[in-house]
Amino acid sequence: MKILIINGPNLNMLGKREPEIYGSETFEDYFTQLQFKFKDTELSYYQSNIEGELISKLHEANESFNGVVLNGAAYTHTSVGLGDAVASISIPVIEVHISNTFAREEFRHHSYLSKYAKGIIVGFGLKSYDLAIENFLMEQ
């Protein structure tokens, strides 16, 4: 199974940005742990702060991956285009968020991605990614 993890804006700052919300570990360090934990799964990782690049990566993923774990970050709540990209591909997408978006500012309670996602995992810290990958593996 081939799974692509896509992270949106500012997630390149994990480990430095608001550790009380996002923790103190970088995503690169965490991704190494995921690769070790799921060594029989081909995991790839992509991060961008640019909306169009995220959309293009979703389109590309449709051709070569079995599923996507997507943390659209702030674009989750603002990007119709990112939601349309999720709707336009045939592989399943699981939306994840490190923090519990429903316990935060009101604008974070709405997602343009959720309607098209296979499922949504919020509020379990970086473990949210583990849970998404485990779901894909249960259904193969």
Protein backbone atom coordinates (compact mmCIF):
# COMPACT_ATOMS: atom_id res chain seq x y z
CA MET A 1 0.00 0.00 0.00
CA LYS A 2 1.20 3.49 -0.87
CA ILE A 3 0.01 6.39 1.29
CA LEU A 4 0.85 10.05 0.83
CA ILE A 5 0.77 12.45 3.78
CA ILE A 6 0.13 16.05 2.72
CA ASN A 7 0.55 18.90 5.20
CA GLY A 8 -0.60 22.43 4.52
CA PRO A 9 0.57 25.87 5.60
CA ASN A 10 2.72 26.44 8.64
CA LEU A 11 3.04 22.76 9.48
CA ASN A 12 6.68 23.04 8.48
CA MET A 13 6.97 24.98 11.75
CA LEU A 14 5.98 22.05 13.98
CA GLY A 15 8.32 21.79 16.91
CA LYS A 16 8.74 25.58 17.00
CA ARG A 17 5.22 26.92 16.55
CA GLU A 18 2.88 27.03 19.54
CA PRO A 19 4.18 23.90 21.27
CA GLU A 20 1.32 24.07 23.77
CA ILE A 21 -1.04 23.26 20.87
CA TYR A 22 1.14 21.36 18.40
CA GLY A 23 3.84 19.80 20.57
CA SER A 24 7.61 20.13 20.38
CA GLU A 25 8.43 17.48 17.77
CA THR A 26 9.16 18.33 14.14
CA PHE A 27 7.10 16.55 11.53
CA GLU A 28 10.26 15.24 9.88
CA ASP A 29 11.26 13.47 13.12
CA TYR A 30 7.74 12.14 13.53
CA PHE A 31 7.63 10.97 9.91
CA THR A 32 10.76 8.88 10.50
CA GLN A 33 8.92 7.17 13.37
CA LEU A 34 5.90 6.54 11.12
CA GLN A 35 8.12 4.95 8.48
CA PHE A 36 9.60 2.65 11.11
CA LYS A 37 6.22 1.77 12.62
CA PHE A 38 4.59 1.11 9.24
CA LYS A 39 7.64 -0.39 7.52
CA ASP A 40 5.52 -2.60 5.24
CA THR A 41 3.72 0.48 3.90
CA GLU A 42 5.22 2.90 1.41
CA LEU A 43 4.79 6.30 3.07
CA SER A 44 5.60 9.58 1.36
CA TYR A 45 5.38 13.08 2.75
CA TYR A 46 4.78 16.47 1.16
CA GLN A 47 4.33 19.89 2.77
CA SER A 48 3.63 23.25 1.20
CA ASN A 49 2.51 26.67 2.31
CA ILE A 50 1.08 27.31 -1.17
CA GLU A 51 -2.52 26.35 -1.88
CA GLY A 52 -2.04 25.59 -5.58
CA GLU A 53 0.88 23.27 -4.88
CA LEU A 54 -1.29 21.28 -2.45
CA ILE A 55 -4.02 21.00 -5.08
CA SER A 56 -1.52 19.84 -7.71
CA LYS A 57 -0.07 17.25 -5.31
CA LEU A 58 -3.55 15.83 -4.67
CA HIS A 59 -4.10 15.50 -8.43
CA GLU A 60 -0.72 13.74 -8.80
CA ALA A 61 -1.47 11.42 -5.87
CA ASN A 62 -4.54 10.14 -7.66
CA GLU A 63 -2.26 8.45 -10.21
CA SER A 64 0.20 6.71 -7.90
CA PHE A 65 -1.10 6.32 -4.33
CA ASN A 66 -3.79 4.23 -2.66
CA GLY A 67 -4.78 6.99 -0.24
CA VAL A 68 -3.94 10.39 1.19
CA VAL A 69 -3.73 11.62 4.77
CA LEU A 70 -4.40 15.35 4.45
CA ASN A 71 -3.88 18.05 7.03
CA GLY A 72 -4.96 21.12 5.10
CA ALA A 73 -4.18 23.26 8.16
CA ALA A 74 -5.67 26.76 7.79
CA TYR A 75 -6.70 26.04 4.17
CA THR A 76 -9.15 23.50 5.59
CA HIS A 77 -11.30 26.41 6.71
CA THR A 78 -10.77 28.77 3.78
CA SER A 79 -10.10 26.89 0.55
CA VAL A 80 -12.96 25.87 -1.68
CA GLY A 81 -10.27 24.91 -4.22
CA LEU A 82 -8.65 22.40 -1.87
CA GLY A 83 -12.06 20.90 -1.13
CA ASP A 84 -12.77 20.66 -4.85
CA ALA A 85 -9.43 18.90 -5.35
CA VAL A 86 -10.33 16.28 -2.73
CA ALA A 87 -13.70 15.81 -4.47
CA SER A 88 -12.03 15.45 -7.87
CA ILE A 89 -9.80 12.48 -7.09
CA SER A 90 -10.85 8.85 -6.88
CA ILE A 91 -8.56 7.67 -4.06
CA PRO A 92 -9.72 8.05 -0.46
CA VAL A 93 -8.58 11.00 1.64
CA ILE A 94 -8.61 11.09 5.42
CA GLU A 95 -8.62 14.59 6.87
CA VAL A 96 -6.52 14.97 10.02
CA HIS A 97 -5.86 17.76 12.47
CA ILE A 98 -3.36 17.76 15.30
CA SER A 99 -5.49 19.95 17.57
CA ASN A 100 -9.18 19.65 18.29
CA THR A 101 -10.38 22.27 15.82
CA PHE A 102 -13.82 22.29 17.45
CA ALA A 103 -12.32 23.48 20.74
CA ARG A 104 -10.65 26.42 19.04
CA GLU A 105 -11.80 29.59 17.28
CA GLU A 106 -15.23 29.49 15.64
CA PHE A 107 -13.86 29.77 12.09
CA ARG A 108 -11.99 26.48 12.61
CA HIS A 109 -15.27 24.63 13.12
CA HIS A 110 -15.99 24.55 9.38
CA SER A 111 -14.08 22.45 6.87
CA TYR A 112 -14.24 22.63 3.08
CA LEU A 113 -12.61 19.18 3.00
CA SER A 114 -14.78 17.09 5.31
CA LYS A 115 -17.68 16.59 2.93
CA TYR A 116 -15.38 14.78 0.49
CA ALA A 117 -13.15 12.96 2.98
CA LYS A 118 -13.45 9.29 3.84
CA GLY A 119 -13.18 10.31 7.47
CA ILE A 120 -11.91 12.96 9.86
CA ILE A 121 -9.55 12.58 12.81
CA VAL A 122 -9.06 15.59 15.07
CA GLY A 123 -7.43 16.34 18.38
CA PHE A 124 -5.09 13.40 18.97
CA GLY A 125 -1.88 15.30 18.34
CA LEU A 126 0.50 13.72 15.88
CA LYS A 127 -1.15 10.37 16.72
CA SER A 128 -3.94 11.52 14.37
CA TYR A 129 -1.69 10.50 11.46
CA ASP A 130 -1.10 7.03 12.95
CA LEU A 131 -4.85 6.55 13.28
CA ALA A 132 -5.44 7.53 9.66
CA ILE A 133 -2.75 5.16 8.37
CA GLU A 134 -4.09 2.34 10.54
CA ASN A 135 -7.53 2.89 9.02
CA PHE A 136 -6.17 2.54 5.49
CA LEU A 137 -4.34 -0.64 6.45
CA MET A 138 -7.43 -2.20 8.10
CA GLU A 139 -9.33 -1.88 4.86
CA GLN A 140 -6.79 -3.23 2.39
